[in-house]
Amino acid sequence: ASPRAGLAAAREEAARSAAGPAAMSLFQAREWWAYRPDSEDECAPGAMVIGNVDNDPAGTGKIVTGSLSGTVRIFVPAEGGYAVGHLVLEQTLDAPVLQLALGRFAPATGDQALAVLHPRSLVVYSVSSGASSGAGAGSLVLRSLYHHDLSDGAGASFTAAAMCYGAFGEAVGHDRICVQSMDGQLSFFDRDRHSFTRQLQASLLPGPITYVARIDSIVTVDCTLYARAYRYGALLGAVDAAPRGSAGGGASAGTGGSSAGGGGGGGGGG
């Protein structure tokens, strides 16, 4: 072999050594764990959360799923594939599960709790250990902490589409929840209390929604395909919502929002 060919081979070997064992192709990834439910058991896009849902001192993470048939499951996965012992809770609720959230929703303590969004209600559960011995050993149980009938605070027509949560208004030690309706209303809850409801201008349909803590704002995409950020303080200080239990729904809140996008932002509204 010529000296030039030998030099090229040495450079290639040096490049491979520099890449090291950490370099991994996508095609080298392999399945670590999987659970495949019944083919008729459908889930909404936001109906899965991962975290220490039972406030385990060891901090063990669990996978929580909810289905449109109303079934909530909690798994403690382990490498090597699904085993029966990985399913530590399976409970069917009385309404479809649209979305799950894991946050500091527990009254007084600020512990992690599981928020379950149904079409007409929002229910927050604590998750705790079941029986310490016998057939139920190692299992978990759901205990309802509080329940919000969404029609009470926002009018009889309020049907939930999605929710987000966070320390709105710089809340200390706990999280608040915002529920978006099918017609673009936002209803806010501070643990076991309904705070207020607002109807956003140009939000006649539900869109993607999230909370950005850095600017203390709810961000969503309206029906004009604009991404809009609404500061929590501006929503709180807007025209008062309709009285609790009235059929009139929330008041309009068109102030305090900043927007970005336009026709070119249609992909974000999908």
Protein backbone atom coordinates (compact mmCIF):
# COMPACT_ATOMS: atom_id res chain seq x y z
CA ALA A 1 0.00 0.00 0.00
CA SER A 2 1.16 3.52 -0.77
CA PRO A 3 2.08 5.94 2.06
CA ARG A 4 -0.87 8.13 1.01
CA ALA A 5 -3.37 5.25 1.37
CA GLY A 6 -1.90 4.37 4.75
CA LEU A 7 -2.28 7.95 5.92
CA ALA A 8 -5.93 8.03 4.82
CA ALA A 9 -6.66 4.82 6.71
CA ALA A 10 -5.02 6.21 9.84
CA ARG A 11 -7.17 9.34 9.63
CA GLU A 12 -10.35 7.27 9.33
CA GLU A 13 -9.40 5.18 12.35
CA ALA A 14 -8.65 8.35 14.36
CA ALA A 15 -12.05 9.78 13.42
CA ARG A 16 -13.82 6.60 14.59
CA SER A 17 -11.90 6.66 17.87
CA ALA A 18 -12.78 10.33 18.45
CA ALA A 19 -16.48 9.56 17.98
CA GLY A 20 -16.27 7.09 20.88
CA PRO A 21 -18.89 4.58 22.04
CA ALA A 22 -21.42 7.35 22.82
CA ALA A 23 -22.12 7.86 19.12
CA MET A 24 -25.28 5.87 18.34
CA SER A 25 -27.34 5.64 15.21
CA LEU A 26 -31.11 5.87 15.40
CA PHE A 27 -31.24 2.36 13.99
CA GLN A 28 -29.33 0.97 16.99
CA ALA A 29 -32.14 1.96 19.38
CA ARG A 30 -34.18 -0.93 20.73
CA GLU A 31 -37.40 -1.35 22.65
CA TRP A 32 -36.86 -1.20 26.42
CA TRP A 33 -40.43 -1.90 27.63
CA ALA A 34 -43.88 -1.97 26.06
CA TYR A 35 -47.51 -2.51 26.98
CA ARG A 36 -50.08 -3.11 24.25
CA PRO A 37 -53.68 -2.62 25.34
CA ASP A 38 -56.75 -4.07 23.70
CA SER A 39 -57.25 -2.79 20.15
CA GLU A 40 -60.55 -1.15 21.17
CA ASP A 41 -58.96 0.82 24.02
CA GLU A 42 -58.31 4.27 22.50
CA CYS A 43 -56.45 7.12 24.20
CA ALA A 44 -56.51 10.88 23.61
CA PRO A 45 -53.14 12.52 22.82
CA GLY A 46 -52.70 14.09 26.27
CA ALA A 47 -53.80 11.10 28.33
CA MET A 48 -50.37 9.99 29.57
CA VAL A 49 -48.08 11.38 32.27
CA ILE A 50 -44.85 10.11 33.83
CA GLY A 51 -43.70 10.89 37.35
CA ASN A 52 -43.78 10.08 41.05
CA VAL A 53 -47.56 10.10 41.14
CA ASP A 54 -47.82 8.44 44.58
CA ASN A 55 -45.17 10.67 46.26
CA ASP A 56 -42.97 7.64 46.87
CA PRO A 57 -40.02 8.65 49.11
CA ALA A 58 -37.75 6.68 46.76
CA GLY A 59 -38.89 8.88 43.89
CA THR A 60 -39.77 5.95 41.63
CA GLY A 61 -41.34 7.12 38.38
CA LYS A 62 -44.57 5.60 37.11
CA ILE A 63 -46.40 5.74 33.79
CA VAL A 64 -50.06 6.81 34.05
CA THR A 65 -52.46 6.43 31.12
CA GLY A 66 -56.14 7.17 30.61
CA SER A 67 -58.46 5.97 27.86
CA LEU A 68 -61.63 7.22 26.20
CA SER A 69 -63.41 4.29 27.82
CA GLY A 70 -62.55 5.88 31.18
CA THR A 71 -59.88 3.41 32.30
CA VAL A 72 -56.88 4.73 34.24
CA ARG A 73 -53.79 2.52 34.46
CA ILE A 74 -50.54 3.01 36.36
CA PHE A 75 -47.40 1.04 35.48
CA VAL A 76 -44.02 0.60 37.10
CA PRO A 77 -42.01 -0.57 34.09
CA ALA A 78 -38.80 -2.58 34.15
CA GLU A 79 -36.44 -3.58 31.39
CA GLY A 80 -37.21 -6.84 29.69
CA GLY A 81 -40.83 -6.37 28.58
CA TYR A 82 -44.24 -6.15 30.21
CA ALA A 83 -45.08 -8.40 33.16
CA VAL A 84 -48.35 -8.57 35.11
CA GLY A 85 -46.68 -7.12 38.20
CA HIS A 86 -45.87 -3.89 36.33
CA LEU A 87 -49.57 -2.92 36.34
CA VAL A 88 -50.14 -1.51 39.84
CA LEU A 89 -53.52 0.14 39.23
CA GLU A 90 -56.38 -0.33 36.76
CA GLN A 91 -59.61 1.50 37.48
CA THR A 92 -62.51 2.49 35.24
CA LEU A 93 -64.01 5.91 35.93
CA ASP A 94 -67.49 7.06 34.99
CA ALA A 95 -66.53 9.25 31.98
CA PRO A 96 -63.98 9.34 29.14
CA VAL A 97 -60.50 10.56 30.07
CA LEU A 98 -59.49 13.46 27.80
CA GLN A 99 -56.24 14.42 29.50
CA LEU A 100 -54.10 13.76 32.56
CA ALA A 101 -51.84 16.12 34.50
CA LEU A 102 -49.48 15.53 37.40
CA GLY A 103 -48.81 18.55 39.58
CA ARG A 104 -48.94 20.10 43.04
CA PHE A 105 -52.72 20.01 43.26
CA ALA A 106 -53.24 18.53 46.74
CA PRO A 107 -54.94 20.97 49.16
CA ALA A 108 -52.83 22.23 52.07
CA THR A 109 -49.89 19.88 51.51
CA GLY A 110 -48.95 20.77 47.94
CA ASP A 111 -48.14 17.11 47.26
CA GLN A 112 -48.22 15.65 43.78
CA ALA A 113 -51.73 14.69 42.72
CA LEU A 114 -53.33 13.41 39.52
CA ALA A 115 -55.77 15.70 37.65
CA VAL A 116 -58.17 13.88 35.33
CA LEU A 117 -60.07 15.89 32.73
CA HIS A 118 -63.46 14.58 31.59
CA PRO A 119 -65.77 16.29 29.07
CA ARG A 120 -67.92 17.85 31.82
CA SER A 121 -65.79 17.60 34.94
CA LEU A 122 -62.31 17.93 36.40
CA VAL A 123 -61.39 15.52 39.19
CA VAL A 124 -58.18 15.52 41.23
CA TYR A 125 -57.03 12.31 42.89
CA SER A 126 -54.34 11.33 45.34
CA VAL A 127 -52.57 8.08 44.56
CA SER A 128 -51.45 5.97 47.49
CA SER A 129 -50.44 2.43 48.38
CA GLY A 130 -53.12 -0.22 48.66
CA ALA A 131 -52.91 -3.35 50.78
CA SER A 132 -49.55 -4.00 52.44
CA SER A 133 -49.94 -7.76 52.20
CA GLY A 134 -51.95 -10.40 50.39
CA ALA A 135 -53.21 -10.24 46.81
CA GLY A 136 -53.23 -6.44 46.77
CA ALA A 137 -49.67 -5.97 47.95
CA GLY A 138 -47.74 -3.47 45.89
CA SER A 139 -50.86 -2.04 44.25
CA LEU A 140 -51.99 1.59 44.25
CA VAL A 141 -55.42 3.16 44.78
CA LEU A 142 -57.08 6.39 43.63
CA ARG A 143 -58.76 8.61 46.22
CA SER A 144 -60.76 11.63 45.08
CA LEU A 145 -59.55 14.88 46.66
CA TYR A 146 -62.02 17.22 44.98
CA HIS A 147 -64.33 17.44 41.98
CA HIS A 148 -65.26 20.38 39.75
CA ASP A 149 -68.46 20.29 37.70
CA LEU A 150 -67.38 22.45 34.75
CA SER A 151 -70.92 23.66 34.08
CA ASP A 152 -71.09 25.27 37.54
CA GLY A 153 -68.54 27.98 36.92
CA ALA A 154 -68.72 28.49 33.17
CA GLY A 155 -72.29 27.82 32.14
CA ALA A 156 -74.19 24.70 31.15
CA SER A 157 -72.65 24.65 27.66
CA PHE A 158 -69.03 24.28 28.86
CA THR A 159 -67.49 21.10 27.41
CA ALA A 160 -63.80 20.53 28.04
CA ALA A 161 -61.24 20.13 25.28
CA ALA A 162 -57.86 20.38 27.03
CA MET A 163 -56.07 21.76 30.08
CA CYS A 164 -52.73 23.13 31.22
CA TYR A 165 -51.34 23.87 34.66
CA GLY A 166 -48.64 25.76 36.51
CA ALA A 167 -47.95 28.29 39.24
CA PHE A 168 -50.18 30.91 37.60
CA GLY A 169 -49.76 34.33 39.17
CA GLU A 170 -46.56 33.12 40.86
CA ALA A 171 -48.50 30.84 43.20
CA VAL A 172 -46.29 29.55 46.01
CA GLY A 173 -46.14 25.85 46.82
CA HIS A 174 -48.97 24.69 44.56
CA ASP A 175 -50.19 24.65 40.96
CA ARG A 176 -53.36 26.00 39.39
CA ILE A 177 -55.27 24.47 36.47
CA CYS A 178 -56.71 26.09 33.34
CA VAL A 179 -59.35 24.16 31.35
CA GLN A 180 -60.07 25.12 27.74
CA SER A 181 -63.56 24.51 26.40
CA MET A 182 -64.67 23.42 22.94
CA ASP A 183 -65.72 27.01 22.18
CA GLY A 184 -62.52 28.69 23.37
CA GLN A 185 -63.36 29.62 26.95
CA LEU A 186 -60.71 29.35 29.66
CA SER A 187 -61.80 28.32 33.15
CA PHE A 188 -59.30 28.61 36.03
CA PHE A 189 -59.17 26.53 39.20
CA ASP A 190 -57.11 27.05 42.34
CA ARG A 191 -57.11 23.58 43.90
CA ASP A 192 -60.67 22.97 45.18
CA ARG A 193 -61.97 26.44 44.22
CA HIS A 194 -63.18 27.75 40.84
CA SER A 195 -61.50 31.12 40.29
CA PHE A 196 -62.92 32.64 37.08
CA THR A 197 -63.79 31.99 33.42
CA ARG A 198 -62.87 34.08 30.37
CA GLN A 199 -63.95 33.95 26.73
CA LEU A 200 -61.00 34.82 24.51
CA GLN A 201 -61.61 36.89 21.41
CA ALA A 202 -61.09 35.02 18.12
CA SER A 203 -60.97 31.71 20.02
CA LEU A 204 -64.13 30.03 18.82
CA LEU A 205 -62.52 26.59 18.66
CA PRO A 206 -60.02 24.85 20.94
CA GLY A 207 -56.36 24.95 19.98
CA PRO A 208 -53.00 23.85 21.41
CA ILE A 209 -52.59 25.31 24.90
CA THR A 210 -49.73 25.51 27.37
CA TYR A 211 -48.41 27.64 30.22
CA VAL A 212 -45.10 29.51 29.97
CA ALA A 213 -43.84 30.24 33.48
CA ARG A 214 -41.17 32.73 32.41
CA ILE A 215 -43.80 35.21 31.21
CA ASP A 216 -46.63 33.91 33.45
CA SER A 217 -48.82 33.46 30.39
CA ILE A 218 -51.25 31.04 28.81
CA VAL A 219 -50.25 30.44 25.19
CA THR A 220 -52.72 29.14 22.61
CA VAL A 221 -53.49 29.30 18.89
CA ASP A 222 -56.78 30.93 17.89
CA CYS A 223 -59.00 30.30 14.87
CA THR A 224 -57.15 32.96 12.84
CA LEU A 225 -53.98 30.82 13.15
CA TYR A 226 -52.23 33.33 15.41
CA ALA A 227 -50.29 32.14 18.43
CA ARG A 228 -51.36 34.34 21.34
CA ALA A 229 -49.98 34.74 24.86
CA TYR A 230 -52.31 35.96 27.60
CA ARG A 231 -50.76 37.07 30.88
CA TYR A 232 -52.49 35.51 33.85
CA GLY A 233 -52.68 38.86 35.63
CA ALA A 234 -54.45 40.45 32.65
CA LEU A 235 -56.98 37.60 32.48
CA LEU A 236 -57.57 37.84 36.22
CA GLY A 237 -58.16 41.59 36.00
CA ALA A 238 -60.40 41.50 32.91
CA VAL A 239 -64.16 42.05 33.04
CA ASP A 240 -65.70 39.79 35.67
CA ALA A 241 -66.96 36.45 34.46
CA ALA A 242 -70.59 35.49 34.75
CA PRO A 243 -71.66 34.55 38.31
CA ARG A 244 -71.02 30.98 39.36
CA GLY A 245 -73.80 28.67 38.25
CA SER A 246 -75.26 31.07 35.66
CA ALA A 247 -75.93 29.95 32.11
CA GLY A 248 -74.32 33.00 30.57
CA GLY A 249 -70.78 31.64 30.50
CA GLY A 250 -67.61 33.68 30.83
CA ALA A 251 -66.98 37.28 29.92
CA SER A 252 -64.83 38.32 26.99
CA ALA A 253 -61.14 38.86 27.65
CA GLY A 254 -59.52 40.57 24.73
CA THR A 255 -56.85 42.52 26.58
CA GLY A 256 -53.46 41.43 27.80
CA GLY A 257 -52.70 39.12 24.89
CA SER A 258 -49.77 39.34 22.52
CA SER A 259 -49.77 37.52 19.20
CA ALA A 260 -47.40 36.11 16.64
CA GLY A 261 -47.90 34.29 13.39
CA GLY A 262 -50.56 34.81 10.76
CA GLY A 263 -51.33 32.82 7.66
CA GLY A 264 -47.84 31.37 7.58
CA GLY A 265 -48.27 29.89 11.06
CA GLY A 266 -50.93 27.39 10.08
CA GLY A 267 -48.69 24.44 10.87
CA GLY A 268 -48.61 25.41 14.53
CA GLY A 269 -52.40 25.34 14.72
CA GLY A 270 -52.52 21.70 13.72
